[in-house]
Amino acid sequence: MADVVLKNISKSFGDKEILKNINLNIKDGEFVVLVGASGCGKSTLLRMISGLEVQSEGDIFIDSQLVNNVAPKDRNIAMVFQNYALYPHLNVKENISLGLKVRNVPKCEIERRVQRAAEILVLGDYLKAKPKELSGGQRQRVALARAIVREPKVFLMDEPLSNLDAKLRMHMRSEIKKLHKKLKTTFIYVTHDQTEALTMGDRIVVLNQGKIQQVDTPYNIYNYPKNVFVASFMGSSPMNIIEGKVIDGFLNFGNVIINIESLSCNLDDNKKYYVGIRPEDIVSSYDPSYHFNLIKFSSKVSFEENLGSYKNIYFNFKNKEFCAVTNPQVPKSNALDFSVDVKKLHFFDFETQELLNQKEDFLI
């Protein structure tokens, strides 16, 4: 096991700067997820930790050792990619053990490690099978087993579940978390999937345009996003964001006007803000809590997504498309009445786009 420390890491390809002054401390045995949109630099950062890419500036430490000039094979890390990269002519056991044979590990030790990895990942019945005989999930488990047998200090995973279907992806998320719990090794995991990040990580690193936006627990990332980008990016249904302004002691946003004295966050008069509302905090008039909420408004419904246990309702809110997560029993309608608990509003500075609410401002 090992900690990983990144100090002032930057990376450029020609004139294009991909990563900008990244500083990050990953604790020994921690499961950290790097998340962001395509092109934000998360995979490049992972490749630099592995040694497959060289940073333009900064230092990388693994287990307190500076590894800037250490070859990938000597960094004691294992990497799992989104494509399984299994040799089709070798069986499962041969695929798992190949890397150890190349390193001249004794046969008895190879056998011990392969059997242990097969036991952890429930591959014992498939050791003689060829990759083409396996399902996508089984192939990914073989790729994980190949990484496990190296007994690395750090596991690096670059979108390992992106080629799997939704049901299998959910199952493999659970498998990887169980694996982390068993091995108690440092995991650094890259994904663009917000749900994956929120369900898997001890901490999440949110990246945008080569910069770290926030490093925090999944709970804090979701409930206390540091800025507008994190708020609007994280979550299966991102936070609704709209511009608002305080005029003569009243906050105006969308179709709503509310006295700022009712707000837990102090807002200045004659100043603009961004107002954020989580979709699940918008309730329809068919919900009992509707009647107890201070903020009420009506809107035309654009379309609905019935997802079984809940329904996403999209509606027009002052020329902005908003989403509400509601009970699936809410009847289909061209227009609906909605309400929001004033305590659930998030406020962001209009200029810096930074969150203004403190944790104590919210009901937990």
Protein backbone atom coordinates (compact mmCIF):
# COMPACT_ATOMS: atom_id res chain seq x y z
CA MET A 1 0.00 0.00 0.00
CA ALA A 2 1.11 3.56 -0.63
CA ASP A 3 0.09 7.19 -0.65
CA VAL A 4 0.29 9.19 -3.89
CA VAL A 5 1.22 12.87 -3.85
CA LEU A 6 1.03 15.21 -6.85
CA LYS A 7 2.79 18.57 -6.52
CA ASN A 8 2.30 21.40 -9.03
CA ILE A 9 1.62 19.02 -11.92
CA SER A 10 1.11 20.59 -15.36
CA LYS A 11 0.97 18.99 -18.79
CA SER A 12 1.04 20.53 -22.25
CA PHE A 13 0.92 19.02 -25.71
CA GLY A 14 2.54 21.67 -27.86
CA ASP A 15 0.72 24.94 -27.19
CA LYS A 16 -2.26 23.20 -25.62
CA GLU A 17 -2.22 23.06 -21.82
CA ILE A 18 -4.07 19.94 -20.67
CA LEU A 19 -3.45 20.09 -16.90
CA LYS A 20 -2.76 23.21 -14.87
CA ASN A 21 -0.96 23.18 -11.51
CA ILE A 22 -2.55 20.05 -10.03
CA ASN A 23 -1.93 19.45 -6.32
CA LEU A 24 -3.41 16.34 -4.76
CA ASN A 25 -2.68 14.09 -1.77
CA ILE A 26 -4.13 10.57 -1.95
CA LYS A 27 -3.93 8.65 1.31
CA ASP A 28 -2.64 5.13 1.74
CA GLY A 29 -5.50 2.66 1.10
CA GLU A 30 -7.91 5.34 -0.14
CA PHE A 31 -10.31 4.93 -3.08
CA VAL A 32 -10.16 8.20 -5.04
CA VAL A 33 -12.21 8.84 -8.16
CA LEU A 34 -11.18 11.36 -10.82
CA VAL A 35 -14.29 12.59 -12.62
CA GLY A 36 -14.93 15.15 -15.33
CA ALA A 37 -16.15 15.65 -18.88
CA SER A 38 -14.24 14.24 -21.84
CA GLY A 39 -11.04 16.20 -22.45
CA CYS A 40 -10.71 17.54 -18.90
CA GLY A 41 -7.36 15.75 -18.38
CA LYS A 42 -8.34 12.95 -15.99
CA SER A 43 -6.92 10.07 -18.10
CA THR A 44 -3.77 12.08 -18.83
CA LEU A 45 -3.29 12.57 -15.08
CA LEU A 46 -3.68 8.83 -14.49
CA ARG A 47 -1.15 8.04 -17.23
CA MET A 48 1.35 10.40 -15.63
CA ILE A 49 0.99 8.63 -12.28
CA SER A 50 1.64 5.34 -14.08
CA GLY A 51 4.64 6.75 -15.93
CA LEU A 52 3.13 6.20 -19.38
CA GLU A 53 3.06 9.98 -19.83
CA VAL A 54 5.63 12.49 -18.59
CA GLN A 55 4.45 15.68 -16.90
CA SER A 56 5.68 19.03 -18.23
CA GLU A 57 6.10 20.39 -14.70
CA GLY A 58 5.81 19.17 -11.13
CA ASP A 59 6.63 16.12 -9.02
CA ILE A 60 4.94 12.78 -8.43
CA PHE A 61 5.56 10.78 -5.25
CA ILE A 62 4.45 7.17 -4.70
CA ASP A 63 4.99 5.79 -1.20
CA SER A 64 7.05 8.93 -0.40
CA GLN A 65 9.43 8.20 -3.29
CA LEU A 66 9.91 10.73 -6.09
CA VAL A 67 9.12 8.78 -9.28
CA ASN A 68 9.61 11.45 -11.97
CA ASN A 69 12.44 9.44 -13.52
CA VAL A 70 11.27 5.96 -12.53
CA ALA A 71 10.12 3.69 -15.38
CA PRO A 72 6.49 2.49 -15.31
CA LYS A 73 7.52 -1.13 -14.60
CA ASP A 74 9.44 -0.01 -11.51
CA ARG A 75 6.69 2.15 -9.94
CA ASN A 76 4.94 -0.86 -8.36
CA ILE A 77 1.57 0.08 -9.79
CA ALA A 78 -0.99 -1.90 -11.82
CA MET A 79 -3.27 -0.36 -14.42
CA VAL A 80 -6.66 -1.59 -15.66
CA PHE A 81 -7.93 -0.10 -18.94
CA GLN A 82 -11.42 0.20 -20.41
CA ASN A 83 -10.55 -2.38 -23.09
CA TYR A 84 -9.64 -5.66 -21.43
CA ALA A 85 -6.47 -6.21 -23.55
CA LEU A 86 -6.57 -9.97 -23.08
CA TYR A 87 -4.57 -12.29 -25.34
CA PRO A 88 -7.18 -14.31 -27.30
CA HIS A 89 -4.90 -17.33 -27.82
CA LEU A 90 -4.18 -17.69 -24.07
CA ASN A 91 -6.59 -19.08 -21.50
CA VAL A 92 -7.62 -17.17 -18.39
CA LYS A 93 -4.86 -18.59 -16.20
CA GLU A 94 -2.21 -17.79 -18.81
CA ASN A 95 -3.52 -14.25 -19.25
CA ILE A 96 -3.43 -13.64 -15.50
CA SER A 97 0.05 -15.08 -15.00
CA LEU A 98 1.82 -13.78 -18.11
CA GLY A 99 3.15 -10.61 -16.48
CA LEU A 100 4.62 -12.62 -13.61
CA LYS A 101 6.35 -15.03 -16.01
CA VAL A 102 7.93 -12.10 -17.84
CA ARG A 103 9.30 -10.91 -14.48
CA ASN A 104 10.71 -14.39 -13.77
CA VAL A 105 8.60 -14.90 -10.65
CA PRO A 106 9.03 -18.50 -9.36
CA LYS A 107 6.37 -20.97 -10.56
CA CYS A 108 5.14 -21.81 -7.07
CA GLU A 109 4.67 -18.09 -6.31
CA ILE A 110 2.83 -17.56 -9.62
CA GLU A 111 0.48 -20.43 -8.76
CA ARG A 112 -0.20 -18.99 -5.29
CA ARG A 113 -0.98 -15.53 -6.64
CA VAL A 114 -3.16 -16.78 -9.50
CA GLN A 115 -5.21 -19.00 -7.18
CA ARG A 116 -5.66 -16.14 -4.70
CA ALA A 117 -6.79 -13.71 -7.44
CA ALA A 118 -9.13 -16.35 -8.91
CA GLU A 119 -10.65 -16.91 -5.48
CA ILE A 120 -11.16 -13.20 -4.83
CA LEU A 121 -12.80 -12.61 -8.23
CA VAL A 122 -14.64 -15.96 -8.46
CA LEU A 123 -12.76 -17.10 -11.56
CA GLY A 124 -11.81 -20.60 -10.42
CA ASP A 125 -14.17 -22.31 -12.88
CA TYR A 126 -12.88 -20.30 -15.85
CA LEU A 127 -9.10 -20.65 -15.59
CA LYS A 128 -8.92 -22.93 -18.64
CA ALA A 129 -11.38 -20.88 -20.73
CA LYS A 130 -10.35 -18.57 -23.59
CA PRO A 131 -11.44 -14.90 -23.52
CA LYS A 132 -13.96 -15.43 -26.34
CA GLU A 133 -15.83 -17.89 -24.10
CA LEU A 134 -16.35 -15.26 -21.37
CA SER A 135 -18.92 -12.51 -20.88
CA GLY A 136 -17.88 -8.86 -20.70
CA GLY A 137 -18.01 -8.88 -16.91
CA GLN A 138 -15.92 -12.03 -16.69
CA ARG A 139 -13.30 -10.55 -19.05
CA GLN A 140 -13.12 -7.46 -16.87
CA ARG A 141 -12.61 -9.65 -13.81
CA VAL A 142 -9.73 -11.36 -15.61
CA ALA A 143 -8.19 -7.95 -16.29
CA LEU A 144 -8.57 -7.13 -12.58
CA ALA A 145 -7.04 -10.47 -11.60
CA ARG A 146 -4.06 -9.78 -13.87
CA ALA A 147 -3.55 -6.55 -11.92
CA ILE A 148 -4.04 -8.19 -8.52
CA VAL A 149 -1.36 -10.86 -9.02
CA ARG A 150 1.26 -8.16 -9.35
CA GLU A 151 0.49 -7.21 -5.73
CA PRO A 152 1.03 -3.52 -6.51
CA LYS A 153 1.09 -0.63 -4.07
CA VAL A 154 -1.40 1.33 -6.21
CA PHE A 155 -4.19 0.30 -8.60
CA LEU A 156 -4.96 2.69 -11.47
CA MET A 157 -8.23 2.20 -13.34
CA ASP A 158 -9.11 4.12 -16.51
CA GLU A 159 -12.87 3.87 -17.14
CA PRO A 160 -12.80 0.06 -16.73
CA LEU A 161 -16.60 -0.33 -16.91
CA SER A 162 -17.40 1.88 -19.89
CA ASN A 163 -17.74 -1.06 -22.30
CA LEU A 164 -20.27 -2.91 -20.14
CA ASP A 165 -24.07 -2.67 -20.27
CA ALA A 166 -25.89 -0.77 -17.51
CA LYS A 167 -26.84 -3.78 -15.38
CA LEU A 168 -23.38 -5.32 -15.56
CA ARG A 169 -21.78 -1.96 -14.84
CA MET A 170 -23.76 -1.69 -11.62
CA HIS A 171 -22.70 -5.21 -10.62
CA MET A 172 -19.03 -4.55 -11.39
CA ARG A 173 -19.09 -1.31 -9.37
CA SER A 174 -20.01 -3.42 -6.37
CA GLU A 175 -17.33 -6.01 -7.22
CA ILE A 176 -14.58 -3.38 -7.45
CA LYS A 177 -15.61 -1.83 -4.12
CA LYS A 178 -15.52 -5.29 -2.50
CA LEU A 179 -12.11 -5.85 -4.06
CA HIS A 180 -10.82 -2.59 -2.58
CA LYS A 181 -12.16 -3.57 0.84
CA LYS A 182 -10.39 -6.95 0.66
CA LEU A 183 -7.06 -5.68 -0.64
CA LYS A 184 -6.96 -2.44 1.40
CA THR A 185 -4.78 -0.96 -1.37
CA THR A 186 -4.76 2.54 -2.83
CA PHE A 187 -7.17 2.81 -5.79
CA ILE A 188 -7.24 5.72 -8.25
CA TYR A 189 -10.22 5.40 -10.58
CA VAL A 190 -11.08 7.52 -13.64
CA THR A 191 -14.63 7.91 -14.93
CA HIS A 192 -16.88 10.41 -16.69
CA ASP A 193 -19.93 8.81 -15.05
CA GLN A 194 -21.14 10.90 -12.10
CA THR A 195 -23.14 8.03 -10.60
CA GLU A 196 -20.04 5.82 -10.68
CA ALA A 197 -18.04 8.54 -8.93
CA LEU A 198 -20.64 9.16 -6.23
CA THR A 199 -21.18 5.47 -5.43
CA MET A 200 -17.56 4.28 -5.48
CA GLY A 201 -15.18 6.90 -4.16
CA ASP A 202 -14.03 7.62 -0.61
CA ARG A 203 -13.21 11.01 -2.11
CA ILE A 204 -13.97 12.52 -5.51
CA VAL A 205 -11.71 14.84 -7.51
CA VAL A 206 -13.81 16.93 -9.92
CA LEU A 207 -11.80 18.21 -12.90
CA ASN A 208 -12.76 20.80 -15.49
CA GLN A 209 -10.55 22.17 -18.27
CA GLY A 210 -7.40 20.84 -16.63
CA LYS A 211 -8.06 22.26 -13.18
CA ILE A 212 -9.29 20.71 -9.95
CA GLN A 213 -12.66 22.19 -9.04
CA GLN A 214 -13.26 20.32 -5.78
CA VAL A 215 -11.85 17.42 -3.76
CA ASP A 216 -14.26 16.04 -1.18
CA THR A 217 -16.43 13.14 -0.04
CA PRO A 218 -19.32 12.10 -2.31
CA TYR A 219 -21.79 13.49 0.24
CA ASN A 220 -20.16 16.92 0.32
CA ILE A 221 -19.60 17.04 -3.43
CA TYR A 222 -23.31 16.49 -4.01
CA ASN A 223 -24.78 18.52 -1.17
CA TYR A 224 -22.21 21.33 -0.91
CA PRO A 225 -20.75 21.80 -4.42
CA LYS A 226 -17.96 24.33 -4.34
CA ASN A 227 -19.06 26.17 -7.48
CA VAL A 228 -21.59 26.30 -10.30
CA PHE A 229 -19.65 23.81 -12.44
CA VAL A 230 -19.59 21.10 -9.76
CA ALA A 231 -23.26 21.73 -8.97
CA SER A 232 -24.36 21.45 -12.58
CA PHE A 233 -22.07 18.49 -13.39
CA MET A 234 -22.48 16.07 -10.48
CA GLY A 235 -25.58 13.94 -10.13
CA SER A 236 -27.64 11.77 -12.46
CA SER A 237 -29.93 14.79 -12.72
CA PRO A 238 -27.68 17.87 -12.33
CA MET A 239 -28.64 20.84 -10.21
CA ASN A 240 -30.95 23.38 -11.85
CA ILE A 241 -29.16 26.76 -12.05
CA ILE A 242 -30.78 30.12 -12.79
CA GLU A 243 -29.74 33.76 -12.48
CA GLY A 244 -31.39 35.77 -9.72
CA LYS A 245 -31.21 39.33 -8.39
CA VAL A 246 -32.03 41.00 -5.08
CA ILE A 247 -34.12 44.14 -5.52
CA ASP A 248 -35.32 46.15 -2.51
CA GLY A 249 -35.00 43.20 -0.16
CA PHE A 250 -36.64 40.64 -2.44
CA LEU A 251 -34.92 37.88 -4.40
CA ASN A 252 -36.23 37.57 -7.96
CA PHE A 253 -35.50 34.40 -9.92
CA GLY A 254 -37.51 32.67 -12.60
CA ASN A 255 -41.19 33.10 -11.76
CA VAL A 256 -40.48 33.59 -8.05
CA ILE A 257 -40.19 36.63 -5.78
CA ILE A 258 -39.25 35.98 -2.14
CA ASN A 259 -38.25 38.12 0.84
CA ILE A 260 -34.55 37.64 1.60
CA GLU A 261 -35.33 37.66 5.33
CA SER A 262 -36.74 34.16 4.88
CA LEU A 263 -33.40 32.91 3.50
CA SER A 264 -30.74 31.31 5.68
CA CYS A 265 -27.99 32.77 3.48
CA ASN A 266 -27.26 36.51 3.69
CA LEU A 267 -27.68 38.19 0.30
CA ASP A 268 -26.89 41.82 -0.51
CA ASP A 269 -29.40 44.22 -2.02
CA ASN A 270 -29.16 45.11 -5.73
CA LYS A 271 -26.79 42.25 -6.47
CA LYS A 272 -26.94 39.28 -8.86
CA TYR A 273 -26.57 35.65 -7.77
CA TYR A 274 -26.91 32.19 -9.22
CA VAL A 275 -29.66 30.18 -7.55
CA GLY A 276 -29.41 26.38 -7.56
CA ILE A 277 -32.15 23.81 -6.88
CA ARG A 278 -31.64 20.06 -6.89
CA PRO A 279 -34.31 18.28 -9.01
CA GLU A 280 -35.33 16.08 -6.07
CA ASP A 281 -35.99 19.22 -3.98
CA ILE A 282 -38.72 20.36 -6.38
CA VAL A 283 -42.03 18.74 -5.42
CA SER A 284 -45.32 18.74 -7.27
CA SER A 285 -48.71 19.64 -5.81
CA TYR A 286 -49.38 15.87 -5.57
CA ASP A 287 -46.72 15.60 -2.86
CA PRO A 288 -47.86 16.29 0.76
CA SER A 289 -44.82 18.50 1.42
CA TYR A 290 -45.95 20.85 -1.37
CA HIS A 291 -48.33 22.64 1.01
CA PHE A 292 -45.65 23.32 3.63
CA ASN A 293 -43.14 24.94 1.28
CA LEU A 294 -42.82 28.70 1.01
CA ILE A 295 -41.80 28.88 -2.66
CA LYS A 296 -44.60 27.97 -5.11
CA PHE A 297 -44.88 28.35 -8.88
CA SER A 298 -46.61 26.89 -11.94
CA SER A 299 -44.92 25.87 -15.17
CA LYS A 300 -45.62 24.23 -18.53
CA VAL A 301 -44.33 20.68 -18.81
CA SER A 302 -41.97 20.01 -21.75
CA PHE A 303 -41.69 16.22 -21.44
CA GLU A 304 -41.45 13.41 -18.91
CA GLU A 305 -39.20 10.41 -18.28
CA ASN A 306 -40.84 7.62 -16.32
CA LEU A 307 -37.99 5.60 -14.80
CA GLY A 308 -40.04 3.16 -12.75
CA SER A 309 -39.40 4.18 -9.14
CA TYR A 310 -39.38 7.90 -10.00
CA LYS A 311 -40.24 10.30 -12.78
CA ASN A 312 -38.19 13.15 -14.26
CA ILE A 313 -40.44 16.04 -15.26
CA TYR A 314 -38.87 18.73 -17.45
CA PHE A 315 -40.53 22.12 -17.48
CA ASN A 316 -39.99 25.70 -18.57
CA PHE A 317 -38.91 28.03 -15.79
CA LYS A 318 -38.49 31.56 -17.12
CA ASN A 319 -37.00 30.35 -20.45
CA LYS A 320 -34.76 27.84 -18.66
CA GLU A 321 -35.34 24.10 -18.82
CA PHE A 322 -35.62 22.73 -15.29
CA CYS A 323 -35.99 19.17 -14.08
CA ALA A 324 -37.98 17.88 -11.11
CA VAL A 325 -37.64 14.33 -9.75
CA THR A 326 -41.13 13.30 -8.64
CA ASN A 327 -43.26 10.35 -7.61
CA PRO A 328 -44.05 8.19 -10.67
CA GLN A 329 -47.74 8.42 -9.78
CA VAL A 330 -47.87 12.13 -10.66
CA PRO A 331 -50.37 12.22 -13.57
CA LYS A 332 -49.34 13.39 -17.01
CA SER A 333 -50.21 17.05 -17.55
CA ASN A 334 -49.41 20.02 -19.77
CA ALA A 335 -48.76 22.17 -16.69
CA LEU A 336 -48.06 21.49 -13.03
CA ASP A 337 -47.79 23.35 -9.74
CA PHE A 338 -44.46 23.00 -7.95
CA SER A 339 -42.98 24.09 -4.64
CA VAL A 340 -39.52 24.23 -3.03
CA ASP A 341 -38.41 24.39 0.58
CA VAL A 342 -36.55 27.70 0.92
CA LYS A 343 -33.92 25.92 3.04
CA LYS A 344 -32.97 23.77 0.04
CA LEU A 345 -31.84 26.67 -2.16
CA HIS A 346 -28.14 26.96 -3.05
CA PHE A 347 -26.62 30.39 -3.72
CA PHE A 348 -23.51 31.13 -5.78
CA ASP A 349 -21.64 34.41 -6.22
CA PHE A 350 -22.42 35.77 -9.69
CA GLU A 351 -18.83 36.82 -10.44
CA THR A 352 -16.77 33.98 -8.92
CA GLN A 353 -19.54 31.32 -9.24
CA GLU A 354 -18.44 30.03 -5.81
CA LEU A 355 -20.95 28.58 -3.32
CA LEU A 356 -22.07 31.06 -0.65
CA ASN A 357 -24.06 28.74 1.65
CA GLN A 358 -22.18 27.17 4.52
CA LYS A 359 -23.05 23.65 5.74
CA GLU A 360 -24.93 24.97 8.72
CA ASP A 361 -27.20 26.90 6.31
CA PHE A 362 -28.73 23.65 5.09
CA LEU A 363 -31.07 21.24 6.76
CA ILE A 364 -29.27 17.89 7.09
